[in-house]
Protein backbone atom coordinates (compact mmCIF):
# COMPACT_ATOMS: atom_id res chain seq x y z
CA MET A 1 -117.34 192.07 40.07
CA LYS A 2 -115.15 191.48 43.10
CA ILE A 3 -111.96 189.45 42.61
CA LEU A 4 -109.70 188.05 45.33
CA SER A 5 -106.12 186.90 44.77
CA LEU A 6 -104.59 184.82 47.55
CA ASN A 7 -101.51 182.67 47.98
CA ILE A 8 -103.02 179.97 50.20
CA ASN A 9 -99.70 178.23 51.02
CA SER A 10 -101.34 174.76 50.84
CA ILE A 11 -105.08 174.34 50.38
CA ARG A 12 -105.03 171.30 52.67
CA ALA A 13 -103.11 172.97 55.50
CA HIS A 14 -105.32 176.05 55.43
CA MET A 15 -108.64 174.53 54.42
CA ASP A 16 -110.54 175.86 57.45
CA SER A 17 -109.36 179.40 56.82
CA PHE A 18 -110.19 179.28 53.13
CA MET A 19 -113.60 177.76 53.77
CA LYS A 20 -114.58 180.92 55.63
CA ILE A 21 -113.74 182.92 52.53
CA ALA A 22 -115.57 180.59 50.15
CA GLU A 23 -118.66 180.27 52.36
CA SER A 24 -118.93 184.05 52.71
CA ARG A 25 -119.53 184.24 48.94
CA GLU A 26 -118.09 187.73 49.17
CA TYR A 27 -116.10 187.29 45.97
CA ASP A 28 -117.29 186.64 42.45
CA VAL A 29 -113.89 185.28 41.45
CA ILE A 30 -111.03 183.89 43.52
CA LEU A 31 -107.50 183.32 42.25
CA LEU A 32 -105.48 180.93 44.41
CA GLN A 33 -101.77 180.24 44.27
CA GLU A 34 -99.49 177.67 45.89
CA LEU A 35 -102.10 174.94 46.21
CA LYS A 36 -99.50 172.21 46.87
CA VAL A 37 -101.84 169.47 45.63
CA GLU A 38 -102.36 167.59 42.37
CA ASP A 39 -105.57 168.04 40.37
CA HIS A 40 -107.02 164.69 41.44
CA GLY A 41 -106.42 165.54 45.09
CA PHE A 42 -108.07 168.94 44.99
CA PRO A 43 -111.23 169.04 47.15
CA PHE A 44 -113.63 170.10 44.39
CA ILE A 45 -116.69 168.66 46.09
CA VAL A 46 -116.16 170.81 49.17
CA PHE A 47 -116.49 174.02 47.18
CA GLU A 48 -118.68 173.24 44.20
CA HIS A 49 -121.80 173.02 46.36
CA LEU A 50 -121.23 176.70 47.16
CA GLY A 51 -121.95 177.53 43.54
CA TYR A 52 -118.41 178.00 42.25
CA ASN A 53 -117.09 176.80 38.93
CA ILE A 54 -113.49 175.72 39.51
CA LYS A 55 -110.44 175.21 37.28
CA VAL A 56 -107.22 173.82 38.74
CA PHE A 57 -103.67 173.36 37.54
CA GLY A 58 -102.07 171.50 40.41
CA GLN A 59 -98.80 169.87 41.38
CA LYS A 60 -97.78 167.52 44.17
CA SER A 61 -96.31 169.30 47.22
CA TRP A 62 -95.41 172.48 45.33
CA ASN A 63 -96.85 175.36 43.31
CA GLY A 64 -100.34 175.01 41.82
CA VAL A 65 -102.96 177.60 40.81
CA ALA A 66 -106.76 177.63 40.73
CA VAL A 67 -109.63 179.86 39.67
CA PHE A 68 -113.02 179.91 41.40
CA SER A 69 -115.87 181.75 39.71
CA LYS A 70 -119.60 182.27 40.18
CA HIS A 71 -119.66 182.85 36.42
CA SER A 72 -118.61 180.67 33.49
CA ILE A 73 -114.94 179.80 33.01
CA GLU A 74 -113.87 179.26 29.40
CA ASP A 75 -110.83 179.29 27.09
CA VAL A 76 -108.66 177.71 29.81
CA VAL A 77 -104.89 177.55 29.33
CA ARG A 78 -102.79 175.58 31.83
CA GLY A 79 -99.10 176.40 31.78
CA LEU A 80 -97.22 179.34 30.27
CA PRO A 81 -97.54 178.95 26.47
CA ASN A 82 -94.36 178.21 24.52
CA TYR A 83 -92.35 177.65 27.69
CA PRO A 84 -91.61 174.07 28.80
CA ASP A 85 -92.04 174.17 32.56
CA PRO A 86 -92.77 171.24 34.90
CA ALA A 87 -94.07 173.66 37.55
CA ALA A 88 -97.79 174.52 37.75
CA ARG A 89 -97.58 178.33 37.82
CA PHE A 90 -99.94 179.68 35.16
CA LEU A 91 -103.68 179.45 34.57
CA GLU A 92 -105.39 181.67 32.00
CA CYS A 93 -109.12 181.79 31.35
CA VAL A 94 -112.07 183.94 30.31
CA ILE A 95 -114.66 184.75 32.97
CA ASP A 96 -118.32 185.30 32.06
CA GLY A 97 -117.32 185.68 28.42
CA ARG A 98 -116.14 189.22 29.07
CA ILE A 99 -112.83 189.39 30.94
CA ARG A 100 -109.62 187.42 30.57
CA LEU A 101 -107.80 186.59 33.81
CA ILE A 102 -104.27 185.26 34.07
CA ASN A 103 -103.51 183.73 37.45
CA VAL A 104 -99.78 183.38 38.15
CA TYR A 105 -97.46 182.08 40.83
CA MET A 106 -94.11 183.32 39.60
CA PRO A 107 -90.86 181.63 40.66
CA ASN A 108 -89.26 182.80 43.88
CA GLY A 109 -85.66 182.38 42.76
CA GLU A 110 -84.25 182.33 46.30
CA SER A 111 -81.20 184.60 45.91
CA GLU A 112 -79.33 186.21 43.03
CA GLU A 113 -76.58 183.60 43.46
CA SER A 114 -78.97 180.65 43.30
CA PRO A 115 -79.34 178.56 40.10
CA LYS A 116 -83.09 179.06 40.59
CA PHE A 117 -82.71 182.79 39.98
CA GLN A 118 -81.94 182.29 36.29
CA TYR A 119 -85.11 180.22 36.01
CA LYS A 120 -87.04 183.08 37.60
CA ILE A 121 -85.66 185.59 35.09
CA GLU A 122 -86.26 183.30 32.11
CA TRP A 123 -89.83 182.63 33.26
CA MET A 124 -90.56 186.33 33.69
CA LYS A 125 -89.17 187.14 30.24
CA HIS A 126 -91.34 184.48 28.61
CA PHE A 127 -94.34 185.70 30.56
CA GLY A 128 -93.64 189.24 29.36
CA ARG A 129 -93.61 188.06 25.75
CA HIS A 130 -96.91 186.23 26.26
CA ILE A 131 -98.75 189.20 27.74
CA ALA A 132 -97.36 191.77 25.28
CA HIS A 133 -100.06 191.14 22.68
CA TYR A 134 -102.77 191.57 25.30
CA LEU A 135 -101.75 195.06 26.38
CA LYS A 136 -103.62 196.94 23.65
CA SER A 137 -106.25 194.30 23.02
CA GLU A 138 -109.87 195.41 23.02
CA GLU A 139 -110.51 192.49 25.38
CA PRO A 140 -110.13 193.42 29.08
CA VAL A 141 -107.20 191.44 30.50
CA ILE A 142 -106.14 191.31 34.14
CA LEU A 143 -103.03 189.63 35.50
CA GLY A 144 -103.23 188.58 39.14
CA GLY A 145 -101.34 186.53 41.66
CA ASP A 146 -98.09 186.17 43.57
CA PHE A 147 -95.37 187.75 41.43
CA ASN A 148 -92.60 187.17 43.98
CA VAL A 149 -91.17 190.62 43.23
CA ALA A 150 -91.20 193.66 45.49
CA ILE A 151 -90.92 196.19 42.71
CA GLU A 152 -89.75 199.16 44.83
CA ASP A 153 -87.85 199.60 48.07
CA ARG A 154 -91.02 200.94 49.69
CA ASP A 155 -92.53 197.51 49.05
CA VAL A 156 -89.99 195.98 51.46
CA TRP A 157 -90.08 196.63 55.20
CA ASN A 158 -86.25 196.72 55.36
CA PRO A 159 -84.60 196.98 51.92
CA LYS A 160 -81.10 196.52 53.33
CA GLN A 161 -82.04 193.17 54.85
CA TYR A 162 -83.20 191.93 51.46
CA GLU A 163 -80.11 192.90 49.48
CA GLY A 164 -79.17 189.93 47.31
CA SER A 165 -82.64 188.44 47.60
CA SER A 166 -84.39 187.44 44.40
CA ILE A 167 -87.55 189.32 45.36
CA SER A 168 -85.81 192.71 45.20
CA ALA A 169 -83.13 191.82 42.65
CA PRO A 170 -82.55 194.60 40.09
CA ASP A 171 -82.94 192.20 37.15
CA ALA A 172 -86.35 191.03 38.34
CA ARG A 173 -87.50 194.54 39.16
CA LYS A 174 -86.38 195.78 35.75
CA ILE A 175 -88.47 193.21 33.90
CA MET A 176 -91.58 193.99 35.90
CA GLN A 177 -91.04 197.75 35.65
CA GLU A 178 -90.89 197.39 31.88
CA TRP A 179 -94.40 195.92 31.94
CA LEU A 180 -95.63 198.99 33.83
CA ASP A 181 -93.72 201.36 31.58
CA ASP A 182 -95.32 199.70 28.55
CA GLY A 183 -98.76 200.48 29.99
CA TRP A 184 -99.88 197.72 32.36
CA LEU A 185 -101.51 199.34 35.38
CA ASP A 186 -100.43 198.40 38.92
CA CYS A 187 -103.96 198.53 40.31
CA TYR A 188 -103.00 198.65 43.98
CA ARG A 189 -100.65 201.61 43.56
CA LYS A 190 -103.23 203.40 41.44
CA TYR A 191 -105.59 203.54 44.41
CA ASN A 192 -103.04 203.52 47.24
CA PRO A 193 -100.20 205.70 45.93
CA ASN A 194 -98.84 206.72 49.32
CA GLU A 195 -99.35 203.56 51.40
CA GLU A 196 -96.12 202.89 53.29
CA SER A 197 -96.93 199.41 54.65
CA PRO A 198 -98.48 197.67 51.64
CA TRP A 199 -97.64 194.18 52.80
CA THR A 200 -99.27 191.23 51.08
CA TRP A 201 -96.75 188.77 52.56
CA ILE A 202 -96.03 188.67 56.29
CA GLY A 203 -93.78 185.87 57.52
CA TYR A 204 -94.60 183.52 60.37
CA ARG A 205 -91.39 184.12 62.31
CA GLY A 206 -90.18 186.78 64.71
CA GLY A 207 -93.50 188.45 65.44
CA SER A 208 -93.62 189.99 61.98
CA ILE A 209 -97.25 191.08 62.25
CA GLY A 210 -96.73 193.07 65.43
CA LYS A 211 -93.51 194.55 64.12
CA ASP A 212 -95.09 195.52 60.77
CA HIS A 213 -92.51 193.53 58.82
CA GLY A 214 -93.66 192.45 55.38
CA LEU A 215 -93.36 192.58 51.61
CA ARG A 216 -95.61 193.48 48.67
CA LEU A 217 -95.39 190.47 46.39
CA ASP A 218 -98.97 190.16 45.10
CA TYR A 219 -100.39 192.26 42.26
CA PHE A 220 -103.23 192.93 39.89
CA LEU A 221 -102.10 194.43 36.58
CA ALA A 222 -104.66 195.65 34.03
CA ASN A 223 -104.36 196.24 30.31
CA HIS A 224 -105.76 199.38 28.70
CA ALA A 225 -109.24 197.94 28.17
CA ALA A 226 -109.45 196.57 31.73
CA GLN A 227 -108.26 199.86 33.24
CA LYS A 228 -111.57 201.39 32.21
CA LEU A 229 -113.38 198.84 34.40
CA VAL A 230 -111.24 198.99 37.54
CA LYS A 231 -112.98 200.69 40.46
CA HIS A 232 -110.71 199.95 43.43
CA CYS A 233 -107.94 197.71 44.74
CA LYS A 234 -107.06 197.00 48.36
CA ILE A 235 -105.28 194.57 50.68
CA ASP A 236 -107.43 192.32 52.88
CA PRO A 237 -105.38 191.21 55.92
CA ARG A 238 -108.00 188.76 57.22
CA PRO A 239 -106.53 185.57 55.66
CA ARG A 240 -103.22 186.32 57.38
CA MET A 241 -104.92 186.95 60.73
CA ASP A 242 -106.79 183.64 60.95
CA ALA A 243 -106.04 181.11 63.71
CA LYS A 244 -104.12 178.90 61.26
CA PRO A 245 -103.26 181.36 58.51
CA THR A 246 -101.48 181.42 55.21
CA ASP A 247 -98.52 183.80 55.17
CA HIS A 248 -100.21 186.09 52.63
CA CYS A 249 -102.92 188.69 52.89
CA GLY A 250 -105.58 188.79 50.23
CA LEU A 251 -105.51 191.32 47.40
CA VAL A 252 -108.94 192.51 46.30
CA LEU A 253 -109.86 194.08 42.97
CA GLU A 254 -113.25 195.59 42.19
CA ILE A 255 -114.27 196.06 38.57
CA ALA A 256 -117.42 197.30 36.89
């Protein structure tokens, strides 16, 4: 099974680019983040004829997550359980009756001084409590999406420039590192331990692509049961290179 995670940065704005991905049928499952459209405005009919089952948790102008699958989608949970949140950031489901996927678009938080940063930290802590019981479950569980955290300095093209930013804030990094220390596998680093330009986000401004300026903000994390299925994980830069691109590359996970 081949799974793509992609922050689309508005499904409407980047419809042409995403259609190329959907029509290729290269992926069995696609996790999308930052849809920026409500459920009733999502273009289901455009994609369903390609053979995808689709579940959406949308929001007007902001956030929003979706799951596309060639297989069945069941046991759907919209919104982080036990956390009252008006933002559409969390979509959990079971694919093909055999693997649980949690698609997330975690809060950005802006800067450590911003009021939004406390929301980011609270959200991550609640998310950590939710996933804790899945870590040692016999059910394969994979977390995927835009985590809005560059967990190490090597995941930032210029760490000094991002001092004070929420994406490299020590408090956010600490929470995420605890998940890895507990046993969740960072699938990309497992298969690319020495990659020095692992950018999944490359901004639109300042010629960032040519200058190799980016951040690693997108992840697949696997619990113990899912780790036995993981075959490879890589970055696909094609979505960022399109004529009218999102600002994210795709992250691709292959599992048995």
